Amino acid sequence: MKWLVRALLAVILGAALAAGAVWQWLQRPLTLAAGSVELSVEPGMNPAEVARAWVAAGVQTDARWLYQWFKWSGQSKQIRAGSYEVHTGITPRELLDKMVRGDQVLEQLRLIEGWNWRQVRAALAAAPSLKAKTAAMSDADIMGALGEPGVAPEGRFFPDTYAYSRGVSDLTVLKRAHAAMRQRLTVAWNGRAASVPLKSPDEALILASIVEKETGAASDRSKVAAVFVNRLRVGMPLQTDPTVIYGLGEGFDGNLRKRDLLTDTPFNTYTRGGLPPTPIAMPGAAALQAALHPAPIQALYFVARGDGSSEFSNDLAAHNRAVNKYIRGK
């Protein structure tokens, strides 16, 4: 009987020692191959794969120990996909906590109000740690992947700052910007002023893009929108230079000439009436609101004062006087 008691005591002692060793291991900082180690946990990776991936990335411990800790903790199924970075001093417990919280290393992509689609693609190409999935895709392919086949991409993405995990695809970030613009446009359109002579959300987006490019001072934005809305009402050509410049494409050298204003393109609002066929840039939230809530003024003209603001006129005679004052210095 004594031998059985001794055996039980040995088992209990061994278990206690093992538990103590495990507890110490959980609290002890892991040895890293460098001051920091990064890992991208891909969707669908199981806990054993995650453990092996950390060891391969530079966490110098036994992958089996990490896996058993993930499993024993009861949190292995809560590990989130994403990009993680750990530094010297991190313990196994803290490593798991980081992945369960989704405490990721994030990069940022900033899309600016007034940018055109070429600039968006350039920003995607230059963004750090993005998988360049769209680099080999045509504009049509991209819009098809976003659920809008046959739609031009210009103006379809909301300008904002988008945080993303390292290693995600640029198409994933574009989807967020595209969804944000659709949501913003829907809300703005549903709340539009009843008197606005626009037939669809697309027309609102086009007008907002023009307002975005034409506005120098934020306080003038709704007045700029009013000028174009008033011109649409009376059937007057919009005659806005940014649309002409957009139609010239990459051939524009920064100097808009009289011949450019006379050269007909689908975007030349001097030679064609109504709105251009697509937006010419990404409008921000303020431009969307201005296009759908223009100021209650009768102005048909405006000219830059030279300080960022504009002078608005109801008729051509007053506009000519403003041009003489602010442009010709007379």
Protein backbone atom coordinates (compact mmCIF):
# COMPACT_ATOMS: atom_id res chain seq x y z
CA MET A 1 0.00 0.00 0.00
CA LYS A 2 2.89 2.31 0.79
CA TRP A 3 4.22 1.98 -2.73
CA LEU A 4 0.85 3.17 -4.10
CA VAL A 5 0.90 6.22 -1.87
CA ARG A 6 4.47 6.98 -2.94
CA ALA A 7 3.51 6.60 -6.60
CA LEU A 8 0.57 8.95 -6.17
CA LEU A 9 2.75 11.47 -4.41
CA ALA A 10 5.30 11.23 -7.20
CA VAL A 11 2.62 11.82 -9.81
CA ILE A 12 1.23 14.78 -7.88
CA LEU A 13 4.71 16.20 -7.38
CA GLY A 14 5.55 15.73 -11.05
CA ALA A 15 2.32 17.42 -12.09
CA ALA A 16 3.02 20.29 -9.72
CA LEU A 17 6.53 20.71 -11.05
CA ALA A 18 5.25 20.59 -14.62
CA ALA A 19 2.53 23.11 -13.83
CA GLY A 20 5.11 25.34 -12.20
CA ALA A 21 7.37 25.09 -15.23
CA VAL A 22 4.48 25.94 -17.54
CA TRP A 23 3.49 28.88 -15.35
CA GLN A 24 7.04 30.21 -15.35
CA TRP A 25 7.25 29.79 -19.13
CA LEU A 26 4.01 31.75 -19.60
CA GLN A 27 5.38 34.65 -17.55
CA ARG A 28 8.93 34.63 -18.95
CA PRO A 29 9.74 36.91 -21.91
CA LEU A 30 10.20 35.04 -25.15
CA THR A 31 13.56 35.16 -26.88
CA LEU A 32 13.32 36.91 -30.27
CA ALA A 33 15.71 36.69 -33.20
CA ALA A 34 15.62 40.51 -33.41
CA GLY A 35 14.30 43.45 -31.43
CA SER A 36 10.92 43.03 -33.09
CA VAL A 37 9.26 40.22 -35.02
CA GLU A 38 6.38 40.62 -37.46
CA LEU A 39 3.84 38.05 -38.63
CA SER A 40 0.78 38.14 -40.86
CA VAL A 41 -1.83 35.69 -39.57
CA GLU A 42 -3.80 34.75 -42.66
CA PRO A 43 -7.52 33.96 -42.55
CA GLY A 44 -8.08 30.23 -42.07
CA MET A 45 -4.78 29.49 -40.31
CA ASN A 46 -5.27 27.00 -37.47
CA PRO A 47 -3.57 27.46 -34.06
CA ALA A 48 -0.79 24.97 -34.81
CA GLU A 49 0.03 26.83 -38.05
CA VAL A 50 0.04 30.14 -36.18
CA ALA A 51 2.44 28.76 -33.59
CA ARG A 52 4.80 27.39 -36.25
CA ALA A 53 4.60 30.68 -38.17
CA TRP A 54 5.69 32.69 -35.13
CA VAL A 55 8.68 30.42 -34.60
CA ALA A 56 9.60 30.65 -38.28
CA ALA A 57 9.31 34.46 -38.08
CA GLY A 58 11.80 34.66 -35.22
CA VAL A 59 10.16 33.77 -31.90
CA GLN A 60 12.75 31.38 -30.49
CA THR A 61 10.75 28.79 -28.61
CA ASP A 62 9.26 25.36 -29.25
CA ALA A 63 6.26 25.71 -31.56
CA ARG A 64 4.64 22.77 -29.76
CA TRP A 65 4.69 24.72 -26.50
CA LEU A 66 3.06 27.72 -28.16
CA TYR A 67 0.40 25.56 -29.76
CA GLN A 68 -0.38 23.75 -26.52
CA TRP A 69 -0.68 27.13 -24.75
CA PHE A 70 -3.07 28.42 -27.42
CA LYS A 71 -5.12 25.25 -27.11
CA TRP A 72 -5.04 24.98 -23.29
CA SER A 73 -6.05 28.64 -22.83
CA GLY A 74 -9.42 28.01 -24.47
CA GLN A 75 -8.87 31.04 -26.73
CA SER A 76 -7.32 29.37 -29.76
CA LYS A 77 -10.47 29.89 -31.83
CA GLN A 78 -10.49 33.59 -30.95
CA ILE A 79 -7.18 34.34 -32.66
CA ARG A 80 -7.83 37.02 -35.29
CA ALA A 81 -6.28 37.23 -38.72
CA GLY A 82 -4.13 40.30 -39.27
CA SER A 83 -0.64 41.76 -39.12
CA TYR A 84 1.12 41.66 -35.77
CA GLU A 85 4.40 42.93 -34.41
CA VAL A 86 5.96 41.83 -31.11
CA HIS A 87 8.93 43.33 -29.30
CA THR A 88 11.56 42.14 -26.86
CA GLY A 89 9.99 41.43 -23.47
CA ILE A 90 6.72 39.92 -24.69
CA THR A 91 5.57 36.77 -22.89
CA PRO A 92 3.58 33.84 -24.35
CA ARG A 93 0.52 35.08 -22.46
CA GLU A 94 0.87 38.59 -23.93
CA LEU A 95 1.45 37.18 -27.41
CA LEU A 96 -1.85 35.29 -27.32
CA ASP A 97 -3.67 38.28 -25.79
CA LYS A 98 -2.45 40.48 -28.65
CA MET A 99 -3.87 38.14 -31.29
CA VAL A 100 -7.16 37.64 -29.44
CA ARG A 101 -7.63 41.42 -29.12
CA GLY A 102 -6.69 41.93 -32.75
CA ASP A 103 -4.00 44.41 -31.69
CA GLN A 104 -2.56 44.70 -35.17
CA VAL A 105 0.08 46.79 -36.89
CA LEU A 106 -1.86 49.11 -39.18
CA GLU A 107 -0.81 51.19 -42.15
CA GLN A 108 -2.80 54.07 -43.63
CA LEU A 109 -3.94 55.07 -47.09
CA ARG A 110 -5.12 58.66 -47.47
CA LEU A 111 -7.40 59.55 -50.38
CA ILE A 112 -7.69 63.31 -50.88
CA GLU A 113 -10.76 65.32 -51.88
CA GLY A 114 -10.44 66.38 -55.50
CA TRP A 115 -8.12 63.56 -56.55
CA ASN A 116 -8.86 61.84 -59.83
CA TRP A 117 -8.73 58.11 -60.49
CA ARG A 118 -5.14 58.21 -61.80
CA GLN A 119 -4.05 59.70 -58.49
CA VAL A 120 -5.97 57.05 -56.56
CA ARG A 121 -4.22 54.27 -58.46
CA ALA A 122 -0.86 55.93 -57.90
CA ALA A 123 -1.57 56.17 -54.16
CA LEU A 124 -2.48 52.47 -54.05
CA ALA A 125 0.75 51.57 -55.83
CA ALA A 126 2.79 53.63 -53.36
CA ALA A 127 0.98 52.50 -50.18
CA PRO A 128 3.20 50.44 -47.85
CA SER A 129 2.55 46.73 -47.30
CA LEU A 130 -0.47 46.46 -49.61
CA LYS A 131 -0.74 43.48 -51.92
CA ALA A 132 -0.94 45.00 -55.38
CA LYS A 133 -3.87 42.95 -56.63
CA THR A 134 -5.25 45.76 -58.80
CA ALA A 135 -1.94 46.44 -60.55
CA ALA A 136 -2.72 43.79 -63.15
CA MET A 137 -6.41 44.70 -63.37
CA SER A 138 -8.03 47.07 -65.84
CA ASP A 139 -10.42 49.77 -64.65
CA ALA A 140 -13.28 47.62 -65.93
CA ASP A 141 -11.97 44.58 -64.03
CA ILE A 142 -11.76 46.59 -60.82
CA MET A 143 -15.28 47.96 -61.09
CA GLY A 144 -16.57 44.48 -61.93
CA ALA A 145 -14.92 43.14 -58.79
CA LEU A 146 -16.61 45.93 -56.83
CA GLY A 147 -20.03 44.97 -58.15
CA GLU A 148 -20.47 47.81 -60.63
CA PRO A 149 -19.55 46.41 -64.04
CA GLY A 150 -19.64 48.98 -66.82
CA VAL A 151 -19.36 51.94 -64.43
CA ALA A 152 -16.40 54.31 -64.73
CA PRO A 153 -14.30 54.39 -61.53
CA GLU A 154 -13.88 58.16 -61.48
CA GLY A 155 -15.32 59.73 -58.34
CA ARG A 156 -16.67 56.44 -56.97
CA PHE A 157 -14.46 56.31 -53.88
CA PHE A 158 -14.89 58.38 -50.76
CA PRO A 159 -11.87 60.53 -49.85
CA ASP A 160 -10.79 59.63 -46.33
CA THR A 161 -7.97 57.98 -44.38
CA TYR A 162 -8.21 54.18 -44.40
CA ALA A 163 -6.29 52.06 -41.90
CA TYR A 164 -5.42 48.54 -43.01
CA SER A 165 -3.46 45.53 -41.87
CA ARG A 166 -0.16 44.82 -43.54
CA GLY A 167 -0.45 42.29 -46.32
CA VAL A 168 -4.09 42.89 -47.26
CA SER A 169 -4.89 43.53 -50.91
CA ASP A 170 -5.39 47.01 -52.31
CA LEU A 171 -8.74 45.80 -53.66
CA THR A 172 -9.88 45.22 -50.07
CA VAL A 173 -9.13 48.85 -49.19
CA LEU A 174 -10.79 50.05 -52.40
CA LYS A 175 -13.92 48.11 -51.49
CA ARG A 176 -14.14 50.06 -48.25
CA ALA A 177 -13.70 53.41 -50.01
CA HIS A 178 -16.25 52.40 -52.65
CA ALA A 179 -18.80 51.30 -50.06
CA ALA A 180 -18.23 54.53 -48.11
CA MET A 181 -18.99 56.66 -51.17
CA ARG A 182 -22.12 54.69 -51.99
CA GLN A 183 -23.37 55.08 -48.45
CA ARG A 184 -22.55 58.81 -48.28
CA LEU A 185 -24.14 59.44 -51.67
CA THR A 186 -27.30 57.53 -50.76
CA VAL A 187 -27.75 59.48 -47.53
CA ALA A 188 -27.07 62.81 -49.24
CA TRP A 189 -29.42 62.03 -52.12
CA ASN A 190 -32.25 60.95 -49.81
CA GLY A 191 -31.91 64.22 -47.91
CA ARG A 192 -31.60 66.48 -50.97
CA ALA A 193 -33.42 69.79 -51.33
CA ALA A 194 -36.66 69.33 -53.28
CA SER A 195 -35.78 72.11 -55.73
CA VAL A 196 -32.51 70.61 -56.97
CA PRO A 197 -32.85 69.87 -60.73
CA LEU A 198 -30.90 66.61 -60.63
CA LYS A 199 -32.38 63.33 -61.83
CA SER A 200 -30.27 60.75 -60.06
CA PRO A 201 -27.56 60.16 -57.43
CA ASP A 202 -25.08 59.83 -60.31
CA GLU A 203 -25.87 63.36 -61.47
CA ALA A 204 -25.41 64.56 -57.89
CA LEU A 205 -22.01 62.86 -57.76
CA ILE A 206 -20.94 64.48 -61.03
CA LEU A 207 -22.03 67.95 -59.90
CA ALA A 208 -20.37 67.47 -56.50
CA SER A 209 -17.09 66.60 -58.22
CA ILE A 210 -17.24 69.88 -60.16
CA VAL A 211 -18.03 71.81 -56.99
CA GLU A 212 -15.07 70.12 -55.30
CA LYS A 213 -12.67 71.24 -58.03
CA GLU A 214 -14.10 74.77 -58.37
CA THR A 215 -14.27 75.77 -54.71
CA GLY A 216 -11.41 77.80 -53.29
CA ALA A 217 -12.86 78.83 -49.93
CA ALA A 218 -15.04 76.42 -47.97
CA SER A 219 -17.49 79.21 -47.17
CA ASP A 220 -18.18 79.61 -50.91
CA ARG A 221 -18.94 75.93 -51.58
CA SER A 222 -22.76 76.13 -51.51
CA LYS A 223 -22.66 79.33 -53.60
CA VAL A 224 -20.48 77.63 -56.23
CA ALA A 225 -23.00 74.79 -56.30
CA ALA A 226 -25.81 77.32 -56.67
CA VAL A 227 -24.20 78.85 -59.76
CA PHE A 228 -24.07 75.50 -61.54
CA VAL A 229 -27.55 74.51 -60.39
CA ASN A 230 -28.90 77.86 -61.66
CA ARG A 231 -27.19 77.32 -65.00
CA LEU A 232 -28.70 73.85 -65.29
CA ARG A 233 -32.13 75.29 -64.56
CA VAL A 234 -31.97 77.84 -67.37
CA GLY A 235 -30.18 75.59 -69.87
CA MET A 236 -26.96 77.57 -69.77
CA PRO A 237 -23.66 75.71 -70.41
CA LEU A 238 -21.75 75.08 -67.21
CA GLN A 239 -18.55 76.48 -68.74
CA THR A 240 -16.27 75.17 -66.01
CA ASP A 241 -12.54 74.85 -66.68
CA PRO A 242 -11.90 71.76 -64.49
CA THR A 243 -14.09 69.62 -66.76
CA VAL A 244 -12.16 70.81 -69.83
CA ILE A 245 -8.87 70.04 -68.10
CA TYR A 246 -10.14 66.59 -67.14
CA GLY A 247 -11.07 65.94 -70.78
CA LEU A 248 -7.53 66.81 -71.87
CA GLY A 249 -6.22 64.00 -69.65
CA GLU A 250 -2.52 63.52 -69.11
CA GLY A 251 -1.85 65.77 -72.09
CA PHE A 252 -2.71 68.85 -70.02
CA ASP A 253 0.49 70.81 -69.35
CA GLY A 254 -0.89 73.14 -66.69
CA ASN A 255 -1.75 75.95 -69.09
CA LEU A 256 -5.36 76.08 -70.27
CA ARG A 257 -5.51 77.79 -73.67
CA LYS A 258 -8.36 79.26 -75.71
CA ARG A 259 -8.03 76.44 -78.22
CA ASP A 260 -8.62 73.96 -75.41
CA LEU A 261 -11.91 75.67 -74.59
CA LEU A 262 -12.93 75.39 -78.24
CA THR A 263 -11.86 71.76 -78.72
CA ASP A 264 -14.89 69.53 -78.27
CA THR A 265 -14.64 66.55 -75.92
CA PRO A 266 -17.35 64.81 -73.86
CA PHE A 267 -16.05 66.82 -70.87
CA ASN A 268 -15.90 70.25 -72.52
CA THR A 269 -18.73 72.13 -70.81
CA TYR A 270 -18.12 75.13 -73.08
CA THR A 271 -19.04 73.18 -76.21
CA ARG A 272 -21.62 70.84 -74.66
CA GLY A 273 -24.61 71.51 -72.45
CA GLY A 274 -25.52 69.80 -69.22
CA LEU A 275 -23.32 67.71 -66.98
CA PRO A 276 -20.28 65.77 -68.23
CA PRO A 277 -20.68 61.97 -68.56
CA THR A 278 -18.83 61.06 -65.35
CA PRO A 279 -17.45 62.74 -62.25
CA ILE A 280 -14.10 64.43 -62.73
CA ALA A 281 -12.73 63.78 -59.22
CA MET A 282 -13.60 62.46 -55.77
CA PRO A 283 -15.91 64.87 -53.95
CA GLY A 284 -15.84 65.05 -50.19
CA ALA A 285 -18.85 65.09 -47.87
CA ALA A 286 -19.09 68.90 -47.93
CA ALA A 287 -19.18 68.99 -51.73
CA LEU A 288 -21.92 66.33 -51.79
CA GLN A 289 -23.99 68.37 -49.37
CA ALA A 290 -23.43 71.59 -51.31
CA ALA A 291 -24.48 70.01 -54.61
CA LEU A 292 -27.74 68.83 -53.05
CA HIS A 293 -28.30 71.90 -50.85
CA PRO A 294 -27.10 74.87 -52.93
CA ALA A 295 -27.25 78.35 -51.45
CA PRO A 296 -30.51 80.26 -52.12
CA ILE A 297 -28.94 82.80 -54.48
CA GLN A 298 -29.63 83.73 -58.11
CA ALA A 299 -25.98 84.04 -59.21
CA LEU A 300 -24.99 82.68 -62.62
CA TYR A 301 -21.33 83.70 -62.51
CA PHE A 302 -18.36 83.78 -60.18
CA VAL A 303 -14.75 84.85 -60.43
CA ALA A 304 -11.77 84.29 -58.12
CA ARG A 305 -10.81 87.28 -56.01
CA GLY A 306 -7.22 86.10 -55.67
CA ASP A 307 -7.42 85.23 -51.97
CA GLY A 308 -9.17 81.88 -52.40
CA SER A 309 -12.68 83.32 -52.22
CA SER A 310 -14.94 84.21 -55.15
CA GLU A 311 -17.13 87.11 -56.23
CA PHE A 312 -20.63 86.04 -57.32
CA SER A 313 -22.77 87.90 -59.84
CA ASN A 314 -26.36 87.56 -61.00
CA ASP A 315 -25.82 88.89 -64.52
CA LEU A 316 -23.12 89.20 -67.16
CA ALA A 317 -22.61 92.92 -66.74
CA ALA A 318 -21.87 92.57 -63.04
CA HIS A 319 -19.63 89.59 -63.77
CA ASN A 320 -17.63 91.59 -66.32
CA ARG A 321 -17.11 94.32 -63.75
CA ALA A 322 -15.88 91.73 -61.27
CA VAL A 323 -13.50 90.26 -63.88
CA ASN A 324 -12.10 93.72 -64.59
CA LYS A 325 -11.57 94.31 -60.88
CA TYR A 326 -10.11 91.00 -59.79
CA ILE A 327 -8.50 89.63 -62.94
CA ARG A 328 -7.54 92.66 -65.03
CA GLY A 329 -6.96 95.02 -62.14
CA LYS A 330 -9.06 97.80 -63.66
